[in-house]
Amino acid sequence: MNKLLPLFGAGENGGGENGEGRDSEGGPGRGGHRGAVLSLRPRRLTRFDRGWALQVRAGELAALAAGPQAAGRLRARRGFLHGSGHNHELAELIRRRPEEFGRVGLLVLGAESVRVLDDVVEVIRPESIDGFQRLTLLARAAVESGRAHLDRSTVRLEVFTSPEREHVRRLHDVADLYLNPATAQDCLRRCPELRRLVEEFEREGRLPQFSMADVTRALACLSAAPTPYLSHLVSTDAGLDELWADIASPHYRTLIHPGVHAVGVLRALEARRTARQALARFPKSARAGYGHLVDHAPDLICWAACRHLPLHQLHDEHSTTKWDRLIDQELPAWTVSAAHDYIGRHRRSEPRRAAGTTDRTGLPLWLELAGMSPGPAPAR
């Protein structure tokens, strides 16, 4: 059973009135790391059967990873990753909002032993099991911003002593095998509009049998947005992740918003599926040369074909438009016509490039063929 150890004489700041501790040699000071002893004055200390759990001010850990030899001295699995984008973001967080640094994540240390002396905890021969990057960032921030700046953050720390520390170290070394990494799609579970849509489908007795990728791409294809930007963005898995990672972004809110309803989602899915099927029947001979657009940019062609649909009525449950007739009987012909039209525009926009050698399939080409590029629009 966990046991909470009272911190005798500890106030809100963990320690005496002035927050004074003592260094590893027992003298007065504000705690720190000297030689083989890390001296801490935790705000909270819990003993459990395998080790210790502490909540300490971030500044108390700053000296632990100081110096170029810190990784070797602390037996860290790897050295500091200077070019890591993750480390860059954490460094900015410490600099701008240090009080938030300790809210997420846990530091894990190994130690030969732990001594509790009144309200001081001494970690003998500390080693870094997990969190060396964060410790190094604290060391650097202490030089840049000072101890008082770091002490605005409370960090959670676990300490394991022998022989448990070696067992825990082995587990942390392969921890990625036991974790399901977060993905951009996980953010969608927090979207209230998607939760509302699921409830709509359930009220109608329908269990969605389609993926969120299909839904997103269909809504982008039938979006009333004036350019094919969103359809281009979500045409790749990387683009989907970019959109899903920020459900508060304007681009996401263009597709998923309070006006989206189950009936509109079903219409969009059926329209995109029908248009893609029409492209699948496009003659193989017509796909050569500039006709590679059919294979390399099908969503551009489908987006263009769907401009003929009454897009502003997509989610209107009371619309009198015969959506089934338009999608089943008209959309295939519109799609084939759009394919020929855009292939012709592509040929006229690059008349000097030999047929079959063109490789421009990115957003600039999409906008150019749609007559929306900054330069002159292609001949029609």
Protein backbone atom coordinates (compact mmCIF):
# COMPACT_ATOMS: atom_id res chain seq x y z
CA MET A 1 0.00 0.00 0.00
CA ASN A 2 1.26 3.49 -0.83
CA LYS A 3 2.25 5.52 2.16
CA LEU A 4 2.23 9.30 2.19
CA LEU A 5 5.18 10.64 4.15
CA PRO A 6 4.50 13.95 5.92
CA LEU A 7 6.99 16.73 5.21
CA PHE A 8 7.77 18.15 8.62
CA GLY A 9 7.74 21.92 8.62
CA ALA A 10 6.96 22.12 4.91
CA GLY A 11 4.86 25.03 3.74
CA GLU A 12 3.22 25.56 0.38
CA ASN A 13 6.56 25.97 -1.31
CA GLY A 14 7.98 22.76 0.14
CA GLY A 15 10.41 23.59 2.95
CA GLY A 16 10.92 26.37 5.45
CA GLU A 17 9.64 29.89 5.19
CA ASN A 18 12.29 30.87 2.66
CA GLY A 19 12.29 27.56 0.79
CA GLU A 20 15.81 26.80 1.99
CA GLY A 21 17.17 23.29 1.75
CA ARG A 22 20.68 21.95 2.05
CA ASP A 23 23.13 20.67 -0.45
CA SER A 24 24.43 17.12 -0.67
CA GLU A 25 27.10 17.80 1.90
CA GLY A 26 24.56 18.81 4.52
CA GLY A 27 25.26 22.54 4.42
CA PRO A 28 22.64 25.25 3.97
CA GLY A 29 21.51 26.08 0.48
CA ARG A 30 18.64 25.50 -1.89
CA GLY A 31 19.26 21.88 -2.72
CA GLY A 32 20.97 20.62 -5.84
CA HIS A 33 23.30 17.99 -7.23
CA ARG A 34 26.81 17.56 -5.93
CA GLY A 35 28.90 14.61 -6.84
CA ALA A 36 26.87 11.46 -6.36
CA VAL A 37 24.00 12.92 -4.32
CA LEU A 38 20.91 14.75 -5.52
CA SER A 39 19.28 16.67 -2.67
CA LEU A 40 15.60 17.54 -3.02
CA ARG A 41 12.87 19.15 -0.94
CA PRO A 42 9.71 17.67 -2.47
CA ARG A 43 6.29 19.20 -2.11
CA ARG A 44 4.94 15.68 -1.89
CA LEU A 45 6.60 12.34 -1.28
CA THR A 46 5.07 8.86 -1.57
CA ARG A 47 6.75 5.55 -0.80
CA PHE A 48 5.48 2.51 -2.68
CA ASP A 49 6.69 -1.07 -2.80
CA ARG A 50 9.02 -0.56 -5.78
CA GLY A 51 10.32 2.96 -5.26
CA TRP A 52 9.46 6.58 -4.53
CA ALA A 53 7.19 9.15 -6.14
CA LEU A 54 7.97 12.85 -5.68
CA GLN A 55 6.64 16.21 -6.75
CA VAL A 56 9.50 18.69 -6.86
CA ARG A 57 10.18 22.15 -8.17
CA ALA A 58 11.75 21.96 -11.61
CA GLY A 59 14.64 24.14 -10.53
CA GLU A 60 15.81 21.47 -8.08
CA LEU A 61 16.58 19.15 -10.98
CA ALA A 62 18.32 21.70 -13.19
CA ALA A 63 21.86 20.87 -12.06
CA LEU A 64 21.44 17.12 -12.55
CA ALA A 65 22.06 17.11 -16.31
CA ALA A 66 24.40 20.09 -16.47
CA GLY A 67 27.64 19.71 -18.41
CA PRO A 68 28.70 17.92 -21.61
CA GLN A 69 29.29 14.60 -19.82
CA ALA A 70 25.83 14.40 -18.26
CA ALA A 71 24.54 11.60 -20.50
CA GLY A 72 27.42 9.31 -19.63
CA ARG A 73 27.41 10.24 -15.95
CA LEU A 74 23.68 9.53 -15.66
CA ARG A 75 23.78 6.38 -17.82
CA ALA A 76 21.20 7.90 -20.15
CA ARG A 77 20.10 5.77 -23.07
CA ARG A 78 21.11 8.51 -25.52
CA GLY A 79 22.56 11.99 -25.48
CA PHE A 80 20.73 15.25 -25.93
CA LEU A 81 18.94 15.56 -29.29
CA HIS A 82 19.84 19.08 -30.37
CA GLY A 83 17.81 18.99 -33.59
CA SER A 84 14.66 17.49 -32.13
CA GLY A 85 11.52 19.48 -32.90
CA HIS A 86 9.98 18.02 -29.74
CA ASN A 87 12.84 19.44 -27.66
CA HIS A 88 12.48 22.80 -29.38
CA GLU A 89 8.80 22.97 -28.43
CA LEU A 90 9.55 21.96 -24.84
CA ALA A 91 12.27 24.61 -24.62
CA GLU A 92 9.78 27.23 -25.79
CA LEU A 93 7.26 25.98 -23.25
CA ILE A 94 9.79 26.34 -20.41
CA ARG A 95 10.73 29.81 -21.57
CA ARG A 96 7.21 31.14 -22.09
CA ARG A 97 5.01 29.11 -19.72
CA PRO A 98 7.19 27.26 -17.22
CA GLU A 99 4.24 26.51 -14.95
CA GLU A 100 2.91 24.13 -17.63
CA PHE A 101 6.12 22.16 -18.15
CA GLY A 102 5.42 19.59 -15.45
CA ARG A 103 1.74 19.08 -16.19
CA VAL A 104 2.43 16.34 -18.74
CA GLY A 105 5.12 13.69 -18.56
CA LEU A 106 7.09 11.94 -15.87
CA LEU A 107 10.80 11.81 -15.06
CA VAL A 108 12.23 8.47 -13.94
CA LEU A 109 15.52 8.09 -12.08
CA GLY A 110 17.44 5.13 -10.78
CA ALA A 111 19.47 5.37 -7.59
CA GLU A 112 21.71 3.31 -5.39
CA SER A 113 19.58 4.34 -2.43
CA VAL A 114 17.24 7.05 -1.14
CA ARG A 115 17.52 8.77 2.25
CA VAL A 116 14.72 10.78 3.84
CA LEU A 117 16.01 13.29 6.37
CA ASP A 118 13.18 15.36 7.78
CA ASP A 119 11.89 17.28 4.73
CA VAL A 120 14.99 16.61 2.61
CA VAL A 121 15.28 13.63 0.28
CA GLU A 122 18.74 12.56 -0.84
CA VAL A 123 19.00 10.46 -3.98
CA ILE A 124 22.31 8.60 -3.87
CA ARG A 125 24.09 8.10 -7.23
CA PRO A 126 21.17 9.16 -9.44
CA GLU A 127 20.83 7.79 -12.95
CA SER A 128 18.50 8.81 -15.76
CA ILE A 129 16.14 6.01 -16.77
CA ASP A 130 13.65 8.14 -18.68
CA GLY A 131 13.51 11.90 -19.25
CA PHE A 132 17.10 12.86 -20.01
CA GLN A 133 15.94 15.26 -22.74
CA ARG A 134 13.75 17.12 -20.24
CA LEU A 135 16.49 17.19 -17.64
CA THR A 136 18.91 18.71 -20.15
CA LEU A 137 16.36 21.31 -21.16
CA LEU A 138 15.97 22.26 -17.50
CA ALA A 139 19.74 22.60 -17.15
CA ARG A 140 19.87 24.90 -20.16
CA ALA A 141 16.86 26.90 -19.02
CA ALA A 142 18.46 27.46 -15.62
CA VAL A 143 21.38 29.20 -17.31
CA GLU A 144 19.13 31.23 -19.57
CA SER A 145 16.27 32.12 -17.24
CA GLY A 146 17.40 31.36 -13.70
CA ARG A 147 16.29 29.04 -10.92
CA ALA A 148 13.32 31.17 -9.83
CA HIS A 149 11.85 30.95 -13.33
CA LEU A 150 12.01 27.15 -13.31
CA ASP A 151 10.59 26.88 -9.82
CA ARG A 152 7.26 28.04 -11.20
CA SER A 153 6.86 24.45 -12.42
CA THR A 154 6.25 21.33 -10.35
CA VAL A 155 7.64 18.14 -11.88
CA ARG A 156 6.59 14.58 -11.15
CA LEU A 157 9.48 12.24 -10.47
CA GLU A 158 9.82 8.53 -9.75
CA VAL A 159 12.96 7.02 -8.25
CA PHE A 160 13.76 3.30 -8.27
CA THR A 161 16.58 1.74 -6.28
CA SER A 162 18.54 -1.47 -6.83
CA PRO A 163 17.69 -4.08 -7.94
CA GLU A 164 14.38 -2.66 -9.18
CA ARG A 165 16.09 0.13 -11.13
CA GLU A 166 17.66 -2.26 -13.65
CA HIS A 167 14.34 -3.99 -14.24
CA VAL A 168 12.61 -0.63 -14.76
CA ARG A 169 15.42 0.54 -17.04
CA ARG A 170 14.96 -2.50 -19.28
CA LEU A 171 11.22 -1.84 -19.44
CA HIS A 172 11.70 1.80 -20.37
CA ASP A 173 14.26 0.88 -23.04
CA VAL A 174 11.55 -1.05 -24.89
CA ALA A 175 8.58 1.02 -23.71
CA ASP A 176 7.61 1.89 -27.28
CA LEU A 177 6.65 -1.76 -27.78
CA TYR A 178 3.95 -1.44 -25.12
CA LEU A 179 2.51 1.90 -26.19
CA ASN A 180 -0.02 2.83 -28.83
CA PRO A 181 1.32 6.14 -30.15
CA ALA A 182 -1.20 8.92 -30.54
CA THR A 183 -2.29 9.76 -34.06
CA ALA A 184 -3.89 12.82 -35.57
CA GLN A 185 -7.15 10.88 -35.99
CA ASP A 186 -7.34 10.49 -32.19
CA CYS A 187 -8.12 14.21 -32.01
CA LEU A 188 -11.42 13.58 -33.79
CA ARG A 189 -12.86 11.90 -30.69
CA ARG A 190 -12.92 15.35 -29.09
CA CYS A 191 -14.91 16.94 -31.90
CA PRO A 192 -18.47 17.71 -30.68
CA GLU A 193 -19.79 17.92 -34.24
CA LEU A 194 -18.66 14.39 -35.03
CA ARG A 195 -20.25 13.11 -31.83
CA ARG A 196 -23.47 14.82 -32.88
CA LEU A 197 -23.24 13.21 -36.34
CA VAL A 198 -22.82 9.75 -34.83
CA GLU A 199 -25.93 10.36 -32.73
CA GLU A 200 -27.84 11.38 -35.86
CA PHE A 201 -26.86 8.18 -37.63
CA GLU A 202 -27.88 6.15 -34.58
CA ARG A 203 -31.28 7.86 -34.34
CA GLU A 204 -31.89 7.00 -37.97
CA GLY A 205 -30.99 3.38 -37.26
CA ARG A 206 -27.84 3.50 -39.39
CA LEU A 207 -24.46 2.27 -38.31
CA PRO A 208 -21.78 4.09 -40.34
CA GLN A 209 -19.84 1.61 -42.48
CA PHE A 210 -17.30 4.06 -43.81
CA SER A 211 -14.00 5.44 -42.60
CA MET A 212 -13.33 8.97 -41.42
CA ALA A 213 -10.89 9.28 -44.32
CA ASP A 214 -13.73 8.59 -46.76
CA VAL A 215 -15.98 11.09 -45.00
CA THR A 216 -13.34 13.82 -44.96
CA ARG A 217 -12.44 13.37 -48.62
CA ALA A 218 -16.08 13.28 -49.68
CA LEU A 219 -16.92 16.46 -47.77
CA ALA A 220 -13.85 18.16 -49.26
CA CYS A 221 -14.90 17.08 -52.75
CA LEU A 222 -18.35 18.62 -52.26
CA SER A 223 -17.22 21.59 -50.17
CA ALA A 224 -18.60 24.94 -51.24
CA ALA A 225 -15.13 26.44 -50.71
CA PRO A 226 -14.14 28.37 -53.85
CA THR A 227 -10.88 26.49 -54.52
CA PRO A 228 -9.83 22.82 -54.56
CA TYR A 229 -7.34 23.44 -51.75
CA LEU A 230 -9.06 21.18 -49.20
CA SER A 231 -9.65 18.41 -51.71
CA HIS A 232 -5.95 18.53 -52.60
CA LEU A 233 -4.91 18.61 -48.94
CA VAL A 234 -6.84 15.51 -47.91
CA SER A 235 -5.96 13.51 -51.02
CA THR A 236 -2.94 12.11 -49.13
CA ASP A 237 -2.66 10.46 -45.72
CA ALA A 238 -0.23 13.17 -44.61
CA GLY A 239 -2.78 15.83 -45.55
CA LEU A 240 -5.50 14.06 -43.59
CA ASP A 241 -3.25 13.99 -40.53
CA GLU A 242 -2.52 17.70 -40.94
CA LEU A 243 -6.23 18.51 -41.05
CA TRP A 244 -7.25 16.19 -38.21
CA ALA A 245 -4.44 17.33 -35.91
CA ASP A 246 -6.15 20.69 -35.34
CA ILE A 247 -9.93 20.41 -35.06
CA ALA A 248 -10.14 24.13 -34.27
CA SER A 249 -8.48 25.24 -37.52
CA PRO A 250 -10.46 27.16 -40.15
CA HIS A 251 -9.82 24.40 -42.70
CA TYR A 252 -11.25 21.71 -40.44
CA ARG A 253 -14.22 23.89 -39.53
CA THR A 254 -14.94 24.41 -43.23
CA LEU A 255 -15.69 20.69 -43.52
CA ILE A 256 -16.95 19.77 -40.03
CA HIS A 257 -19.25 22.42 -38.57
CA PRO A 258 -22.68 22.74 -36.92
CA GLY A 259 -24.40 22.75 -40.30
CA VAL A 260 -23.13 19.29 -41.25
CA HIS A 261 -25.78 16.55 -41.04
CA ALA A 262 -25.93 12.83 -41.67
CA VAL A 263 -27.93 13.24 -44.87
CA GLY A 264 -25.24 15.51 -46.30
CA VAL A 265 -22.49 13.09 -45.39
CA LEU A 266 -24.30 10.28 -47.19
CA ARG A 267 -24.86 12.47 -50.26
CA ALA A 268 -21.21 13.48 -50.33
CA LEU A 269 -20.01 9.88 -49.98
CA GLU A 270 -22.28 8.69 -52.77
CA ALA A 271 -21.33 11.57 -55.07
CA ARG A 272 -17.60 11.07 -54.69
CA ARG A 273 -17.95 7.31 -55.08
CA THR A 274 -19.98 7.74 -58.25
CA ALA A 275 -17.52 10.24 -59.73
CA ARG A 276 -14.56 7.97 -58.94
CA GLN A 277 -16.35 5.04 -60.58
CA ALA A 278 -16.89 7.12 -63.71
CA LEU A 279 -13.15 7.85 -63.80
CA ALA A 280 -12.37 4.17 -63.34
CA ARG A 281 -14.18 3.52 -66.63
CA PHE A 282 -12.13 6.18 -68.41
CA PRO A 283 -10.40 4.55 -71.44
CA LYS A 284 -6.85 3.43 -70.79
CA SER A 285 -5.70 4.99 -74.06
CA ALA A 286 -6.93 8.39 -72.86
CA ARG A 287 -4.78 8.17 -69.71
CA ALA A 288 -1.51 8.50 -71.63
CA GLY A 289 0.47 11.72 -71.77
CA TYR A 290 -1.45 14.58 -70.25
CA GLY A 291 -4.21 12.13 -69.44
CA HIS A 292 -2.16 11.05 -66.43
CA LEU A 293 -4.34 13.51 -64.49
CA VAL A 294 -7.02 10.82 -64.33
CA ASP A 295 -4.68 8.63 -62.26
CA HIS A 296 -2.58 11.28 -60.50
CA ALA A 297 -5.23 13.87 -59.66
CA PRO A 298 -8.61 12.12 -59.65
CA ASP A 299 -9.92 14.22 -56.76
CA LEU A 300 -9.31 17.40 -58.76
CA ILE A 301 -11.51 16.06 -61.56
CA CYS A 302 -14.17 14.84 -59.12
CA TRP A 303 -14.11 18.21 -57.37
CA ALA A 304 -14.62 19.98 -60.70
CA ALA A 305 -17.48 17.64 -61.68
CA CYS A 306 -19.25 18.14 -58.34
CA ARG A 307 -19.36 21.91 -58.93
CA HIS A 308 -22.52 21.18 -60.96
CA LEU A 309 -24.32 19.96 -57.83
CA PRO A 310 -26.28 22.37 -55.57
CA LEU A 311 -23.53 22.28 -52.94
CA HIS A 312 -25.16 24.81 -50.63
CA GLN A 313 -28.07 22.39 -50.20
CA LEU A 314 -25.84 19.42 -49.40
CA HIS A 315 -26.88 19.19 -45.73
CA ASP A 316 -30.44 20.48 -46.18
CA GLU A 317 -32.78 17.68 -45.11
CA HIS A 318 -35.74 19.52 -46.64
CA SER A 319 -34.15 20.17 -50.02
CA THR A 320 -36.46 19.42 -52.93
CA THR A 321 -33.50 18.70 -55.20
CA LYS A 322 -33.52 15.17 -56.58
CA TRP A 323 -30.06 14.32 -55.31
CA ASP A 324 -30.30 10.64 -56.23
CA ARG A 325 -31.13 11.48 -59.84
CA LEU A 326 -28.35 14.06 -60.14
CA ILE A 327 -25.76 11.74 -58.66
CA ASP A 328 -26.79 8.57 -60.48
CA GLN A 329 -27.75 9.97 -63.88
CA GLU A 330 -25.93 13.29 -64.34
CA LEU A 331 -22.72 13.16 -62.32
CA PRO A 332 -20.97 10.40 -64.34
CA ALA A 333 -21.26 12.46 -67.54
CA TRP A 334 -20.11 15.61 -65.73
CA THR A 335 -17.09 13.70 -64.45
CA VAL A 336 -16.05 12.43 -67.88
CA SER A 337 -16.55 15.91 -69.34
CA ALA A 338 -14.42 17.45 -66.52
CA ALA A 339 -11.69 14.90 -67.18
CA HIS A 340 -11.49 15.78 -70.89
CA ASP A 341 -11.69 19.49 -70.07
CA TYR A 342 -8.86 19.41 -67.52
CA ILE A 343 -6.65 17.19 -69.68
CA GLY A 344 -7.09 19.71 -72.50
CA ARG A 345 -6.27 22.61 -70.17
CA HIS A 346 -3.17 20.78 -69.01
CA ARG A 347 -2.03 20.22 -72.60
CA ARG A 348 -2.59 23.86 -73.53
CA SER A 349 -0.83 25.14 -70.39
CA GLU A 350 2.38 23.28 -71.30
CA PRO A 351 2.41 22.91 -75.07
CA ARG A 352 6.20 22.65 -75.27
CA ARG A 353 6.51 19.74 -72.85
CA ALA A 354 6.52 16.40 -74.57
CA ALA A 355 3.45 14.31 -73.94
CA GLY A 356 3.99 11.84 -71.13
CA THR A 357 6.88 13.76 -69.54
CA THR A 358 4.87 16.21 -67.48
CA ASP A 359 5.10 15.60 -63.73
CA ARG A 360 3.39 18.65 -62.26
CA THR A 361 0.56 17.31 -60.12
CA GLY A 362 0.69 19.49 -57.01
CA LEU A 363 -1.61 22.25 -55.76
CA PRO A 364 -0.17 24.94 -58.09
CA LEU A 365 -1.22 22.82 -61.06
CA TRP A 366 -4.66 22.17 -59.55
CA LEU A 367 -5.22 25.90 -59.09
CA GLU A 368 -3.88 26.69 -62.54
CA LEU A 369 -6.18 24.21 -64.24
CA ALA A 370 -9.11 25.51 -62.24
CA GLY A 371 -8.29 29.04 -63.44
CA MET A 372 -7.31 30.21 -59.97
CA SER A 373 -3.52 30.58 -60.18
CA PRO A 374 -1.92 34.03 -59.68
CA GLY A 375 -0.72 33.99 -63.29
CA PRO A 376 -2.87 33.99 -66.41
CA ALA A 377 -5.43 31.23 -66.50
CA PRO A 378 -4.89 28.41 -69.03
CA ALA A 379 -6.59 28.74 -72.40
CA ARG A 380 -10.11 27.37 -72.53
